[in-house]
Amino acid sequence: MKNSNSILILVLGVLIIGNFSSAANNRLKWRRAVCDGFTQNCGTICCGMGQTCCDTTCCGPTEECCGSVCCGSTETCCGGICCSMFQECGPKFICQ
């Protein structure tokens, strides 16, 4: 009887530990994006076909990644900001 109690305690311990590790794994999956074969994982979101990952956002096919923002086709990247076509990137990355 003592031997069967030890086995029962061991089985219950494995089930409890397995349950906690499964819950922790599911919590991690919730925080990161799960993308399919046609999308690119970009942190917490999935970028579609033709898009590129830019920090934690997706840039379109005509956009350029500029740090953590996407610049449009008429903009230029200036350090981490986008300057319009009428501006140029000045010292200390300020659009002028």
N, C-alpha and C. Protein backbone atom coordinates (compact mmCIF):
# COMPACT_ATOMS: atom_id res chain seq x y z
N MET A 1 0.82 -1.19 0.00
CA MET A 1 0.00 0.00 0.00
C MET A 1 0.87 1.26 0.00
N LYS A 2 1.97 1.21 0.73
CA LYS A 2 2.86 2.36 0.82
C LYS A 2 3.47 2.67 -0.54
N ASN A 3 3.80 1.64 -1.31
CA ASN A 3 4.40 1.80 -2.63
C ASN A 3 3.41 2.43 -3.61
N SER A 4 2.14 2.03 -3.56
CA SER A 4 1.15 2.60 -4.48
C SER A 4 0.85 4.06 -4.13
N ASN A 5 0.93 4.43 -2.86
CA ASN A 5 0.75 5.83 -2.47
C ASN A 5 1.88 6.69 -3.01
N SER A 6 3.09 6.18 -3.00
CA SER A 6 4.24 6.92 -3.53
C SER A 6 4.09 7.15 -5.03
N ILE A 7 3.61 6.12 -5.73
CA ILE A 7 3.41 6.24 -7.17
C ILE A 7 2.30 7.26 -7.46
N LEU A 8 1.23 7.21 -6.67
CA LEU A 8 0.13 8.15 -6.85
C LEU A 8 0.60 9.59 -6.62
N ILE A 9 1.39 9.82 -5.59
CA ILE A 9 1.92 11.15 -5.30
C ILE A 9 2.83 11.61 -6.43
N LEU A 10 3.65 10.71 -6.94
CA LEU A 10 4.55 11.05 -8.05
C LEU A 10 3.76 11.43 -9.30
N VAL A 11 2.72 10.66 -9.64
CA VAL A 11 1.90 10.95 -10.81
C VAL A 11 1.19 12.30 -10.65
N LEU A 12 0.63 12.55 -9.48
CA LEU A 12 -0.04 13.83 -9.24
C LEU A 12 0.95 14.99 -9.33
N GLY A 13 2.15 14.81 -8.82
CA GLY A 13 3.17 15.86 -8.91
C GLY A 13 3.52 16.18 -10.35
N VAL A 14 3.67 15.15 -11.18
CA VAL A 14 3.98 15.37 -12.60
C VAL A 14 2.84 16.10 -13.29
N LEU A 15 1.61 15.72 -12.99
CA LEU A 15 0.45 16.39 -13.60
C LEU A 15 0.37 17.86 -13.19
N ILE A 16 0.60 18.14 -11.93
CA ILE A 16 0.53 19.53 -11.45
C ILE A 16 1.62 20.38 -12.07
N ILE A 17 2.85 19.87 -12.09
CA ILE A 17 3.97 20.62 -12.68
C ILE A 17 3.74 20.81 -14.17
N GLY A 18 3.25 19.78 -14.86
CA GLY A 18 2.96 19.90 -16.28
C GLY A 18 1.89 20.94 -16.56
N ASN A 19 0.91 21.03 -15.67
CA ASN A 19 -0.16 22.01 -15.83
C ASN A 19 0.39 23.44 -15.70
N PHE A 20 1.28 23.68 -14.73
CA PHE A 20 1.86 25.01 -14.56
C PHE A 20 2.74 25.39 -15.74
N SER A 21 3.54 24.45 -16.25
CA SER A 21 4.41 24.79 -17.37
C SER A 21 3.59 25.04 -18.63
N SER A 22 2.49 24.32 -18.80
CA SER A 22 1.62 24.56 -19.95
C SER A 22 0.96 25.93 -19.86
N ALA A 23 0.55 26.33 -18.68
CA ALA A 23 -0.06 27.65 -18.49
C ALA A 23 0.95 28.75 -18.76
N ALA A 24 2.18 28.57 -18.32
CA ALA A 24 3.22 29.58 -18.57
C ALA A 24 3.52 29.68 -20.05
N ASN A 25 3.56 28.56 -20.76
CA ASN A 25 3.82 28.57 -22.19
C ASN A 25 2.69 29.26 -22.95
N ASN A 26 1.44 29.01 -22.55
CA ASN A 26 0.30 29.66 -23.21
C ASN A 26 0.33 31.16 -22.98
N ARG A 27 0.76 31.59 -21.81
CA ARG A 27 0.85 33.03 -21.52
C ARG A 27 1.89 33.68 -22.41
N LEU A 28 3.02 33.02 -22.65
CA LEU A 28 4.04 33.56 -23.53
C LEU A 28 3.55 33.62 -24.97
N LYS A 29 2.80 32.62 -25.40
CA LYS A 29 2.26 32.62 -26.76
C LYS A 29 1.29 33.78 -26.96
N TRP A 30 0.55 34.14 -25.90
CA TRP A 30 -0.41 35.22 -26.01
C TRP A 30 0.31 36.55 -26.26
N ARG A 31 1.50 36.71 -25.72
CA ARG A 31 2.22 37.97 -25.85
C ARG A 31 2.94 38.12 -27.17
N ARG A 32 3.27 37.05 -27.84
CA ARG A 32 3.97 37.17 -29.12
C ARG A 32 3.04 36.70 -30.23
N ALA A 33 3.24 37.27 -31.38
CA ALA A 33 2.38 36.93 -32.51
C ALA A 33 2.74 35.55 -33.04
N VAL A 34 1.74 34.80 -33.42
CA VAL A 34 1.94 33.51 -34.06
C VAL A 34 1.52 33.68 -35.51
N CYS A 35 2.51 33.76 -36.39
CA CYS A 35 2.26 34.06 -37.80
C CYS A 35 2.29 32.78 -38.63
N ASP A 36 1.60 32.81 -39.76
CA ASP A 36 1.62 31.66 -40.65
C ASP A 36 2.76 31.78 -41.64
N GLY A 37 2.80 30.90 -42.62
CA GLY A 37 3.89 30.87 -43.57
C GLY A 37 3.94 32.05 -44.53
N PHE A 38 2.85 32.81 -44.61
CA PHE A 38 2.79 33.93 -45.54
C PHE A 38 3.05 35.27 -44.86
N THR A 39 3.16 35.27 -43.54
CA THR A 39 3.37 36.52 -42.81
C THR A 39 4.67 36.47 -42.04
N GLN A 40 5.18 37.63 -41.69
CA GLN A 40 6.44 37.75 -40.97
C GLN A 40 6.16 38.18 -39.54
N ASN A 41 6.78 37.51 -38.59
CA ASN A 41 6.61 37.85 -37.19
C ASN A 41 7.32 39.17 -36.89
N CYS A 42 6.58 40.12 -36.35
CA CYS A 42 7.14 41.44 -36.03
C CYS A 42 6.80 41.77 -34.58
N GLY A 43 7.28 40.96 -33.67
CA GLY A 43 7.00 41.20 -32.25
C GLY A 43 5.61 40.73 -31.88
N THR A 44 4.70 41.67 -31.70
CA THR A 44 3.35 41.32 -31.28
C THR A 44 2.35 41.32 -32.42
N ILE A 45 2.81 41.60 -33.64
CA ILE A 45 1.92 41.59 -34.81
C ILE A 45 2.56 40.80 -35.94
N CYS A 46 1.77 40.47 -36.93
CA CYS A 46 2.26 39.77 -38.13
C CYS A 46 2.18 40.72 -39.32
N CYS A 47 3.27 40.85 -40.04
CA CYS A 47 3.29 41.67 -41.25
C CYS A 47 2.88 40.81 -42.43
N GLY A 48 2.02 41.35 -43.26
CA GLY A 48 1.54 40.63 -44.42
C GLY A 48 2.55 40.60 -45.55
N MET A 49 2.14 39.95 -46.64
CA MET A 49 3.01 39.86 -47.81
C MET A 49 3.25 41.26 -48.36
N GLY A 50 4.46 41.56 -48.73
CA GLY A 50 4.80 42.88 -49.25
C GLY A 50 5.14 43.89 -48.18
N GLN A 51 4.90 43.54 -46.93
CA GLN A 51 5.24 44.44 -45.82
C GLN A 51 6.56 44.02 -45.21
N THR A 52 7.23 44.97 -44.55
CA THR A 52 8.46 44.67 -43.83
C THR A 52 8.29 45.07 -42.37
N CYS A 53 8.96 44.34 -41.52
CA CYS A 53 8.91 44.62 -40.09
C CYS A 53 9.80 45.82 -39.78
N CYS A 54 9.27 46.77 -39.05
CA CYS A 54 10.00 47.98 -38.66
C CYS A 54 9.81 48.16 -37.17
N ASP A 55 10.73 47.65 -36.38
CA ASP A 55 10.65 47.65 -34.92
C ASP A 55 9.42 46.85 -34.50
N THR A 56 8.32 47.49 -34.15
CA THR A 56 7.11 46.76 -33.75
C THR A 56 5.92 47.12 -34.63
N THR A 57 6.17 47.62 -35.82
CA THR A 57 5.10 47.94 -36.76
C THR A 57 5.45 47.41 -38.15
N CYS A 58 4.50 47.42 -39.03
CA CYS A 58 4.71 46.93 -40.39
C CYS A 58 4.70 48.09 -41.38
N CYS A 59 5.69 48.13 -42.25
CA CYS A 59 5.75 49.14 -43.31
C CYS A 59 5.23 48.53 -44.60
N GLY A 60 4.53 49.35 -45.37
CA GLY A 60 4.01 48.92 -46.65
C GLY A 60 5.11 48.80 -47.69
N PRO A 61 4.77 48.31 -48.87
CA PRO A 61 5.79 48.08 -49.90
C PRO A 61 6.47 49.35 -50.40
N THR A 62 5.80 50.50 -50.29
CA THR A 62 6.41 51.75 -50.77
C THR A 62 6.98 52.58 -49.63
N GLU A 63 6.93 52.04 -48.41
CA GLU A 63 7.42 52.78 -47.25
C GLU A 63 8.82 52.31 -46.86
N GLU A 64 9.54 53.19 -46.18
CA GLU A 64 10.89 52.89 -45.71
C GLU A 64 10.88 52.88 -44.18
N CYS A 65 11.52 51.88 -43.61
CA CYS A 65 11.63 51.81 -42.15
C CYS A 65 12.64 52.85 -41.68
N CYS A 66 12.24 53.64 -40.71
CA CYS A 66 13.09 54.72 -40.19
C CYS A 66 13.09 54.63 -38.67
N GLY A 67 13.92 53.76 -38.13
CA GLY A 67 13.94 53.55 -36.68
C GLY A 67 12.75 52.71 -36.26
N SER A 68 11.71 53.36 -35.76
CA SER A 68 10.50 52.64 -35.35
C SER A 68 9.26 53.17 -36.05
N VAL A 69 9.45 53.99 -37.08
CA VAL A 69 8.33 54.53 -37.86
C VAL A 69 8.53 54.22 -39.34
N CYS A 70 7.46 54.33 -40.09
CA CYS A 70 7.52 54.10 -41.54
C CYS A 70 7.39 55.43 -42.26
N CYS A 71 8.32 55.70 -43.16
CA CYS A 71 8.26 56.92 -43.97
C CYS A 71 7.61 56.59 -45.31
N GLY A 72 6.74 57.48 -45.75
CA GLY A 72 6.06 57.30 -47.03
C GLY A 72 7.00 57.52 -48.20
N SER A 73 6.48 57.31 -49.39
CA SER A 73 7.31 57.40 -50.59
C SER A 73 7.79 58.82 -50.87
N THR A 74 7.12 59.83 -50.32
CA THR A 74 7.55 61.22 -50.54
C THR A 74 8.32 61.77 -49.35
N GLU A 75 8.66 60.90 -48.40
CA GLU A 75 9.39 61.33 -47.20
C GLU A 75 10.78 60.71 -47.19
N THR A 76 11.68 61.31 -46.42
CA THR A 76 13.02 60.76 -46.23
C THR A 76 13.25 60.53 -44.74
N CYS A 77 14.02 59.51 -44.45
CA CYS A 77 14.33 59.17 -43.07
C CYS A 77 15.40 60.12 -42.54
N CYS A 78 15.17 60.61 -41.33
CA CYS A 78 16.10 61.54 -40.70
C CYS A 78 16.33 61.10 -39.26
N GLY A 79 17.18 60.13 -39.07
CA GLY A 79 17.49 59.64 -37.72
C GLY A 79 16.45 58.69 -37.18
N GLY A 80 15.29 59.09 -36.94
CA GLY A 80 14.20 58.26 -36.44
C GLY A 80 12.87 58.94 -36.71
N ILE A 81 12.91 59.99 -37.53
CA ILE A 81 11.71 60.72 -37.92
C ILE A 81 11.67 60.83 -39.44
N CYS A 82 10.52 61.16 -39.96
CA CYS A 82 10.35 61.30 -41.41
C CYS A 82 10.24 62.78 -41.78
N CYS A 83 11.04 63.21 -42.73
CA CYS A 83 10.97 64.57 -43.25
C CYS A 83 10.16 64.56 -44.54
N SER A 84 9.37 65.60 -44.73
CA SER A 84 8.58 65.69 -45.96
C SER A 84 9.50 66.01 -47.13
N MET A 85 8.93 65.94 -48.32
CA MET A 85 9.73 66.19 -49.52
C MET A 85 10.21 67.65 -49.59
N PHE A 86 9.62 68.53 -48.82
CA PHE A 86 10.01 69.93 -48.82
C PHE A 86 11.02 70.25 -47.72
N GLN A 87 11.40 69.24 -46.95
CA GLN A 87 12.34 69.42 -45.85
C GLN A 87 13.60 68.61 -46.12
N GLU A 88 14.65 68.98 -45.41
CA GLU A 88 15.86 68.17 -45.46
C GLU A 88 16.28 67.87 -44.03
N CYS A 89 17.06 66.82 -43.89
CA CYS A 89 17.52 66.38 -42.58
C CYS A 89 18.67 67.28 -42.14
N GLY A 90 18.48 67.97 -41.04
CA GLY A 90 19.50 68.89 -40.55
C GLY A 90 20.32 68.27 -39.43
N PRO A 91 21.15 69.11 -38.81
CA PRO A 91 21.96 68.63 -37.69
C PRO A 91 21.08 68.12 -36.55
N LYS A 92 21.58 67.16 -35.83
CA LYS A 92 20.88 66.53 -34.70
C LYS A 92 19.54 65.92 -35.13
N PHE A 93 19.48 65.51 -36.40
CA PHE A 93 18.30 64.82 -36.94
C PHE A 93 17.02 65.63 -36.74
N ILE A 94 17.04 66.86 -37.19
CA ILE A 94 15.86 67.73 -37.16
C ILE A 94 15.50 68.08 -38.60
N CYS A 95 14.24 67.89 -38.94
CA CYS A 95 13.79 68.24 -40.29
C CYS A 95 13.72 69.77 -40.41
N GLN A 96 14.32 70.29 -41.49
CA GLN A 96 14.33 71.75 -41.69
C GLN A 96 13.73 72.09 -43.03
